[in-house]
All heavy atoms as atom14 arrays in JSON, in Angstrom:
{
  "sequence": "MNSLNSEDTAVYYCNAVAQIFPWGQGTQVTVSS",
  "atom14_mask": [
    [1, 1, 1, 1, 1, 1, 1, 1, 0, 0, 0, 0, 0, 0],
    [1, 1, 1, 1, 1, 1, 1, 1, 0, 0, 0, 0, 0, 0],
    [1, 1, 1, 1, 1, 1, 0, 0, 0, 0, 0, 0, 0, 0],
    [1, 1, 1, 1, 1, 1, 1, 1, 0, 0, 0, 0, 0, 0],
    [1, 1, 1, 1, 1, 1, 1, 1, 0, 0, 0, 0, 0, 0],
    [1, 1, 1, 1, 1, 1, 0, 0, 0, 0, 0, 0, 0, 0],
    [1, 1, 1, 1, 1, 1, 1, 1, 1, 0, 0, 0, 0, 0],
    [1, 1, 1, 1, 1, 1, 1, 1, 0, 0, 0, 0, 0, 0],
    [1, 1, 1, 1, 1, 1, 1, 0, 0, 0, 0, 0, 0, 0],
    [1, 1, 1, 1, 1, 0, 0, 0, 0, 0, 0, 0, 0, 0],
    [1, 1, 1, 1, 1, 1, 1, 0, 0, 0, 0, 0, 0, 0],
    [1, 1, 1, 1, 1, 1, 1, 1, 1, 1, 1, 1, 0, 0],
    [1, 1, 1, 1, 1, 1, 1, 1, 1, 1, 1, 1, 0, 0],
    [1, 1, 1, 1, 1, 1, 0, 0, 0, 0, 0, 0, 0, 0],
    [1, 1, 1, 1, 1, 1, 1, 1, 0, 0, 0, 0, 0, 0],
    [1, 1, 1, 1, 1, 0, 0, 0, 0, 0, 0, 0, 0, 0],
    [1, 1, 1, 1, 1, 1, 1, 0, 0, 0, 0, 0, 0, 0],
    [1, 1, 1, 1, 1, 0, 0, 0, 0, 0, 0, 0, 0, 0],
    [1, 1, 1, 1, 1, 1, 1, 1, 1, 0, 0, 0, 0, 0],
    [1, 1, 1, 1, 1, 1, 1, 1, 0, 0, 0, 0, 0, 0],
    [1, 1, 1, 1, 1, 1, 1, 1, 1, 1, 1, 0, 0, 0],
    [1, 1, 1, 1, 1, 1, 1, 0, 0, 0, 0, 0, 0, 0],
    [1, 1, 1, 1, 1, 1, 1, 1, 1, 1, 1, 1, 1, 1],
    [1, 1, 1, 1, 0, 0, 0, 0, 0, 0, 0, 0, 0, 0],
    [1, 1, 1, 1, 1, 1, 1, 1, 1, 0, 0, 0, 0, 0],
    [1, 1, 1, 1, 0, 0, 0, 0, 0, 0, 0, 0, 0, 0],
    [1, 1, 1, 1, 1, 1, 1, 0, 0, 0, 0, 0, 0, 0],
    [1, 1, 1, 1, 1, 1, 1, 1, 1, 0, 0, 0, 0, 0],
    [1, 1, 1, 1, 1, 1, 1, 0, 0, 0, 0, 0, 0, 0],
    [1, 1, 1, 1, 1, 1, 1, 0, 0, 0, 0, 0, 0, 0],
    [1, 1, 1, 1, 1, 1, 1, 0, 0, 0, 0, 0, 0, 0],
    [1, 1, 1, 1, 1, 1, 0, 0, 0, 0, 0, 0, 0, 0],
    [1, 1, 1, 1, 1, 1, 0, 0, 0, 0, 0, 0, 0, 0]
  ],
  "atom14_positions": [
    [[-8.86, 25.29, -30.94], [-9.29, 23.95, -30.55], [-9.84, 23.25, -31.75], [-10.83, 23.72, -32.34], [-10.37, 24.08, -29.44], [-10.02, 24.89, -28.26], [-11.23, 24.81, -26.94], [-12.6, 25.59, -27.73], [0.0, 0.0, 0.0], [0.0, 0.0, 0.0], [0.0, 0.0, 0.0], [0.0, 0.0, 0.0], [0.0, 0.0, 0.0], [0.0, 0.0, 0.0]],
    [[-9.22, 22.14, -32.05], [-9.59, 21.31, -33.22], [-10.05, 19.93, -32.8], [-9.76, 19.56, -31.58], [-8.49, 21.21, -34.21], [-8.02, 22.53, -34.78], [-8.81, 23.45, -34.94], [-6.78, 22.64, -35.03], [0.0, 0.0, 0.0], [0.0, 0.0, 0.0], [0.0, 0.0, 0.0], [0.0, 0.0, 0.0], [0.0, 0.0, 0.0], [0.0, 0.0, 0.0]],
    [[-10.73, 19.21, -33.63], [-11.15, 17.84, -33.37], [-11.83, 17.72, -32.02], [-11.51, 16.88, -31.17], [-9.94, 16.94, -33.36], [-9.31, 16.95, -34.61], [0.0, 0.0, 0.0], [0.0, 0.0, 0.0], [0.0, 0.0, 0.0], [0.0, 0.0, 0.0], [0.0, 0.0, 0.0], [0.0, 0.0, 0.0], [0.0, 0.0, 0.0], [0.0, 0.0, 0.0]],
    [[-12.81, 18.66, -31.77], [-13.49, 18.71, -30.49], [-14.35, 17.47, -30.27], [-14.94, 16.94, -31.23], [-14.27, 20.0, -30.4], [-13.47, 21.26, -30.2], [-14.31, 22.5, -30.56], [-12.98, 21.4, -28.74], [0.0, 0.0, 0.0], [0.0, 0.0, 0.0], [0.0, 0.0, 0.0], [0.0, 0.0, 0.0], [0.0, 0.0, 0.0], [0.0, 0.0, 0.0]],
    [[-14.41, 17.03, -29.05], [-15.32, 15.97, -28.72], [-16.14, 16.36, -27.49], [-15.86, 17.37, -26.86], [-14.58, 14.67, -28.55], [-13.53, 14.76, -27.38], [-13.82, 15.05, -26.31], [-12.25, 14.6, -27.75], [0.0, 0.0, 0.0], [0.0, 0.0, 0.0], [0.0, 0.0, 0.0], [0.0, 0.0, 0.0], [0.0, 0.0, 0.0], [0.0, 0.0, 0.0]],
    [[-17.07, 15.51, -27.12], [-18.0, 15.85, -26.02], [-17.28, 16.12, -24.66], [-17.85, 16.82, -23.85], [-19.03, 14.75, -25.86], [-18.38, 13.5, -25.58], [0.0, 0.0, 0.0], [0.0, 0.0, 0.0], [0.0, 0.0, 0.0], [0.0, 0.0, 0.0], [0.0, 0.0, 0.0], [0.0, 0.0, 0.0], [0.0, 0.0, 0.0], [0.0, 0.0, 0.0]],
    [[-16.13, 15.5, -24.5], [-15.44, 15.63, -23.26], [-14.75, 17.02, -23.12], [-14.2, 17.34, -22.12], [-14.34, 14.56, -23.08], [-14.98, 13.15, -22.97], [-14.0, 12.06, -22.68], [-12.75, 12.4, -22.75], [-14.41, 10.98, -22.3], [0.0, 0.0, 0.0], [0.0, 0.0, 0.0], [0.0, 0.0, 0.0], [0.0, 0.0, 0.0], [0.0, 0.0, 0.0]],
    [[-14.8, 17.78, -24.21], [-14.27, 19.12, -24.21], [-15.3, 20.13, -23.75], [-15.01, 21.35, -23.61], [-13.74, 19.5, -25.57], [-12.53, 18.63, -26.04], [-11.65, 18.36, -25.25], [-12.56, 18.24, -27.22], [0.0, 0.0, 0.0], [0.0, 0.0, 0.0], [0.0, 0.0, 0.0], [0.0, 0.0, 0.0], [0.0, 0.0, 0.0], [0.0, 0.0, 0.0]],
    [[-16.49, 19.68, -23.63], [-17.56, 20.59, -23.17], [-17.23, 21.1, -21.77], [-17.06, 20.35, -20.81], [-18.94, 19.81, -23.16], [-19.3, 19.49, -24.48], [-20.05, 20.74, -22.5], [0.0, 0.0, 0.0], [0.0, 0.0, 0.0], [0.0, 0.0, 0.0], [0.0, 0.0, 0.0], [0.0, 0.0, 0.0], [0.0, 0.0, 0.0], [0.0, 0.0, 0.0]],
    [[-17.23, 22.42, -21.58], [-16.87, 23.07, -20.35], [-16.93, 24.56, -20.49], [-17.12, 25.02, -21.6], [-15.41, 22.64, -19.97], [0.0, 0.0, 0.0], [0.0, 0.0, 0.0], [0.0, 0.0, 0.0], [0.0, 0.0, 0.0], [0.0, 0.0, 0.0], [0.0, 0.0, 0.0], [0.0, 0.0, 0.0], [0.0, 0.0, 0.0], [0.0, 0.0, 0.0]],
    [[-16.78, 25.23, -19.37], [-16.54, 26.69, -19.44], [-15.08, 26.89, -19.4], [-14.31, 26.31, -18.63], [-17.16, 27.36, -18.22], [-16.97, 28.86, -18.29], [-18.68, 27.12, -18.22], [0.0, 0.0, 0.0], [0.0, 0.0, 0.0], [0.0, 0.0, 0.0], [0.0, 0.0, 0.0], [0.0, 0.0, 0.0], [0.0, 0.0, 0.0], [0.0, 0.0, 0.0]],
    [[-14.58, 27.68, -20.37], [-13.19, 27.93, -20.52], [-12.75, 29.31, -20.04], [-13.47, 30.24, -20.27], [-12.78, 27.75, -22.01], [-12.65, 26.33, -22.47], [-13.89, 25.61, -22.64], [-11.46, 25.67, -22.69], [-13.81, 24.26, -23.01], [-11.42, 24.39, -23.1], [-12.61, 23.67, -23.3], [-12.6, 22.34, -23.7], [0.0, 0.0, 0.0], [0.0, 0.0, 0.0]],
    [[-11.66, 29.29, -19.26], [-11.19, 30.52, -18.65], [-9.71, 30.72, -18.96], [-8.95, 29.75, -19.18], [-11.28, 30.46, -17.12], [-12.63, 30.17, -16.57], [-13.12, 28.91, -16.39], [-13.49, 31.21, -16.12], [-14.36, 28.62, -15.86], [-14.69, 30.98, -15.59], [-15.2, 29.66, -15.46], [-16.4, 29.43, -14.9], [0.0, 0.0, 0.0], [0.0, 0.0, 0.0]],
    [[-9.26, 31.94, -18.98], [-7.85, 32.16, -19.05], [-7.42, 32.81, -17.7], [-8.19, 33.43, -16.95], [-7.47, 33.05, -20.16], [-7.91, 34.82, -19.96], [0.0, 0.0, 0.0], [0.0, 0.0, 0.0], [0.0, 0.0, 0.0], [0.0, 0.0, 0.0], [0.0, 0.0, 0.0], [0.0, 0.0, 0.0], [0.0, 0.0, 0.0], [0.0, 0.0, 0.0]],
    [[-6.13, 32.68, -17.39], [-5.65, 33.27, -16.19], [-4.07, 33.1, -16.28], [-3.51, 32.31, -17.07], [-6.12, 32.65, -14.88], [-6.2, 33.64, -13.81], [-5.31, 34.45, -13.51], [-7.34, 33.71, -13.05], [0.0, 0.0, 0.0], [0.0, 0.0, 0.0], [0.0, 0.0, 0.0], [0.0, 0.0, 0.0], [0.0, 0.0, 0.0], [0.0, 0.0, 0.0]],
    [[-3.37, 33.77, -15.46], [-1.93, 33.54, -15.29], [-1.82, 32.15, -14.63], [-2.8, 31.6, -14.11], [-1.26, 34.67, -14.47], [0.0, 0.0, 0.0], [0.0, 0.0, 0.0], [0.0, 0.0, 0.0], [0.0, 0.0, 0.0], [0.0, 0.0, 0.0], [0.0, 0.0, 0.0], [0.0, 0.0, 0.0], [0.0, 0.0, 0.0], [0.0, 0.0, 0.0]],
    [[-0.59, 31.66, -14.62], [-0.32, 30.35, -14.1], [0.33, 30.41, -12.72], [-0.12, 29.78, -11.77], [0.53, 29.48, -15.01], [0.95, 28.16, -14.45], [-0.26, 29.31, -16.34], [0.0, 0.0, 0.0], [0.0, 0.0, 0.0], [0.0, 0.0, 0.0], [0.0, 0.0, 0.0], [0.0, 0.0, 0.0], [0.0, 0.0, 0.0], [0.0, 0.0, 0.0]],
    [[1.34, 31.19, -12.57], [2.17, 31.25, -11.32], [1.36, 32.05, -10.25], [1.42, 31.8, -9.11], [3.47, 31.84, -11.49], [0.0, 0.0, 0.0], [0.0, 0.0, 0.0], [0.0, 0.0, 0.0], [0.0, 0.0, 0.0], [0.0, 0.0, 0.0], [0.0, 0.0, 0.0], [0.0, 0.0, 0.0], [0.0, 0.0, 0.0], [0.0, 0.0, 0.0]],
    [[0.54, 33.01, -10.73], [-0.22, 33.81, -9.86], [-1.6, 33.96, -10.43], [-1.82, 34.45, -11.55], [0.35, 35.25, -9.71], [-0.48, 36.2, -8.84], [0.11, 37.52, -8.69], [1.32, 37.78, -9.07], [-0.59, 38.44, -8.16], [0.0, 0.0, 0.0], [0.0, 0.0, 0.0], [0.0, 0.0, 0.0], [0.0, 0.0, 0.0], [0.0, 0.0, 0.0]],
    [[-2.61, 33.53, -9.66], [-4.0, 33.48, -10.16], [-4.65, 34.77, -9.84], [-4.69, 35.16, -8.58], [-4.81, 32.27, -9.58], [-4.13, 30.94, -10.02], [-6.23, 32.36, -9.94], [-4.17, 30.74, -11.5], [0.0, 0.0, 0.0], [0.0, 0.0, 0.0], [0.0, 0.0, 0.0], [0.0, 0.0, 0.0], [0.0, 0.0, 0.0], [0.0, 0.0, 0.0]],
    [[-5.18, 35.42, -10.78], [-5.99, 36.71, -10.62], [-7.5, 36.39, -10.57], [-7.86, 35.25, -10.85], [-5.6, 37.65, -11.81], [-4.21, 38.12, -11.81], [-3.21, 37.44, -12.53], [-3.89, 39.21, -11.08], [-1.92, 37.85, -12.47], [-2.58, 39.71, -11.01], [-1.56, 39.03, -11.75], [0.0, 0.0, 0.0], [0.0, 0.0, 0.0], [0.0, 0.0, 0.0]],
    [[-8.27, 37.33, -10.15], [-9.74, 37.11, -10.2], [-10.24, 36.56, -11.53], [-9.87, 37.14, -12.59], [-10.34, 38.47, -9.85], [-9.24, 39.14, -9.06], [-7.99, 38.69, -9.64], [0.0, 0.0, 0.0], [0.0, 0.0, 0.0], [0.0, 0.0, 0.0], [0.0, 0.0, 0.0], [0.0, 0.0, 0.0], [0.0, 0.0, 0.0], [0.0, 0.0, 0.0]],
    [[-11.03, 35.53, -11.52], [-11.47, 34.87, -12.74], [-12.42, 35.73, -13.45], [-13.29, 36.43, -12.86], [-12.1, 33.56, -12.38], [-11.15, 32.58, -11.79], [-10.97, 32.37, -10.52], [-10.22, 31.69, -12.5], [-10.02, 31.39, -10.31], [-9.53, 30.96, -11.54], [-10.01, 31.46, -13.82], [-8.54, 30.0, -11.87], [-9.01, 30.5, -14.18], [-8.34, 29.84, -13.22]],
    [[-12.39, 35.67, -14.79], [-13.35, 36.26, -15.65], [-14.66, 35.44, -15.68], [-14.79, 34.52, -14.93], [0.0, 0.0, 0.0], [0.0, 0.0, 0.0], [0.0, 0.0, 0.0], [0.0, 0.0, 0.0], [0.0, 0.0, 0.0], [0.0, 0.0, 0.0], [0.0, 0.0, 0.0], [0.0, 0.0, 0.0], [0.0, 0.0, 0.0], [0.0, 0.0, 0.0]],
    [[-15.52, 35.78, -16.57], [-16.78, 35.08, -16.67], [-16.67, 33.8, -17.46], [-17.53, 32.92, -17.33], [-17.82, 35.95, -17.37], [-17.8, 36.01, -18.87], [-16.66, 36.7, -19.48], [-15.9, 37.44, -18.74], [-16.49, 36.62, -20.76], [0.0, 0.0, 0.0], [0.0, 0.0, 0.0], [0.0, 0.0, 0.0], [0.0, 0.0, 0.0], [0.0, 0.0, 0.0]],
    [[-15.57, 33.58, -18.14], [-15.42, 32.41, -18.95], [-16.26, 32.39, -20.19], [-17.03, 33.32, -20.41], [0.0, 0.0, 0.0], [0.0, 0.0, 0.0], [0.0, 0.0, 0.0], [0.0, 0.0, 0.0], [0.0, 0.0, 0.0], [0.0, 0.0, 0.0], [0.0, 0.0, 0.0], [0.0, 0.0, 0.0], [0.0, 0.0, 0.0], [0.0, 0.0, 0.0]],
    [[-16.02, 31.44, -21.02], [-16.77, 31.24, -22.25], [-17.16, 29.77, -22.35], [-16.32, 28.92, -22.22], [-16.0, 31.83, -23.47], [-16.85, 31.75, -24.69], [-14.79, 30.98, -23.76], [0.0, 0.0, 0.0], [0.0, 0.0, 0.0], [0.0, 0.0, 0.0], [0.0, 0.0, 0.0], [0.0, 0.0, 0.0], [0.0, 0.0, 0.0], [0.0, 0.0, 0.0]],
    [[-18.4, 29.58, -22.61], [-19.02, 28.21, -22.68], [-18.65, 27.54, -24.02], [-18.97, 28.11, -25.07], [-20.46, 28.23, -22.47], [-21.17, 26.9, -22.6], [-20.81, 25.96, -21.46], [-20.92, 26.31, -20.3], [-20.44, 24.7, -21.77], [0.0, 0.0, 0.0], [0.0, 0.0, 0.0], [0.0, 0.0, 0.0], [0.0, 0.0, 0.0], [0.0, 0.0, 0.0]],
    [[-18.1, 26.37, -23.93], [-17.91, 25.53, -25.14], [-18.79, 24.31, -24.97], [-18.65, 23.55, -23.98], [-16.48, 25.17, -25.32], [-16.29, 24.13, -26.42], [-15.67, 26.43, -25.61], [0.0, 0.0, 0.0], [0.0, 0.0, 0.0], [0.0, 0.0, 0.0], [0.0, 0.0, 0.0], [0.0, 0.0, 0.0], [0.0, 0.0, 0.0], [0.0, 0.0, 0.0]],
    [[-19.66, 24.03, -25.89], [-20.47, 22.85, -25.85], [-20.27, 22.1, -27.15], [-20.5, 22.66, -28.27], [-21.99, 23.25, -25.71], [-22.14, 24.03, -24.56], [-22.81, 22.01, -25.59], [0.0, 0.0, 0.0], [0.0, 0.0, 0.0], [0.0, 0.0, 0.0], [0.0, 0.0, 0.0], [0.0, 0.0, 0.0], [0.0, 0.0, 0.0], [0.0, 0.0, 0.0]],
    [[-19.88, 20.84, -27.05], [-19.68, 20.0, -28.17], [-20.78, 18.95, -28.21], [-20.85, 18.08, -27.27], [-18.29, 19.29, -28.11], [-18.05, 18.47, -29.36], [-17.17, 20.33, -27.91], [0.0, 0.0, 0.0], [0.0, 0.0, 0.0], [0.0, 0.0, 0.0], [0.0, 0.0, 0.0], [0.0, 0.0, 0.0], [0.0, 0.0, 0.0], [0.0, 0.0, 0.0]],
    [[-21.61, 19.04, -29.18], [-22.76, 18.2, -29.25], [-23.33, 18.14, -30.65], [-23.18, 19.15, -31.4], [-23.85, 18.68, -28.31], [-25.03, 17.9, -28.46], [0.0, 0.0, 0.0], [0.0, 0.0, 0.0], [0.0, 0.0, 0.0], [0.0, 0.0, 0.0], [0.0, 0.0, 0.0], [0.0, 0.0, 0.0], [0.0, 0.0, 0.0], [0.0, 0.0, 0.0]],
    [[-23.87, 16.96, -31.05], [-24.47, 16.83, -32.34], [-25.95, 17.15, -32.28], [-26.65, 17.08, -33.27], [-24.24, 15.44, -32.93], [-24.73, 14.49, -31.97], [0.0, 0.0, 0.0], [0.0, 0.0, 0.0], [0.0, 0.0, 0.0], [0.0, 0.0, 0.0], [0.0, 0.0, 0.0], [0.0, 0.0, 0.0], [0.0, 0.0, 0.0], [0.0, 0.0, 0.0]]
  ]
}
C-alpha cells in the first residue's frame, strides 16, 4: 500500500473471494499525521 491517505484507515483482512472462510483477526491500518 503506497500513497496512503486517511480514507485508507481500516482493519484489513484477507480471505478467499468465491468462498468466504472464517475471518482472521485482521490488521489495523491507521493513516494519520
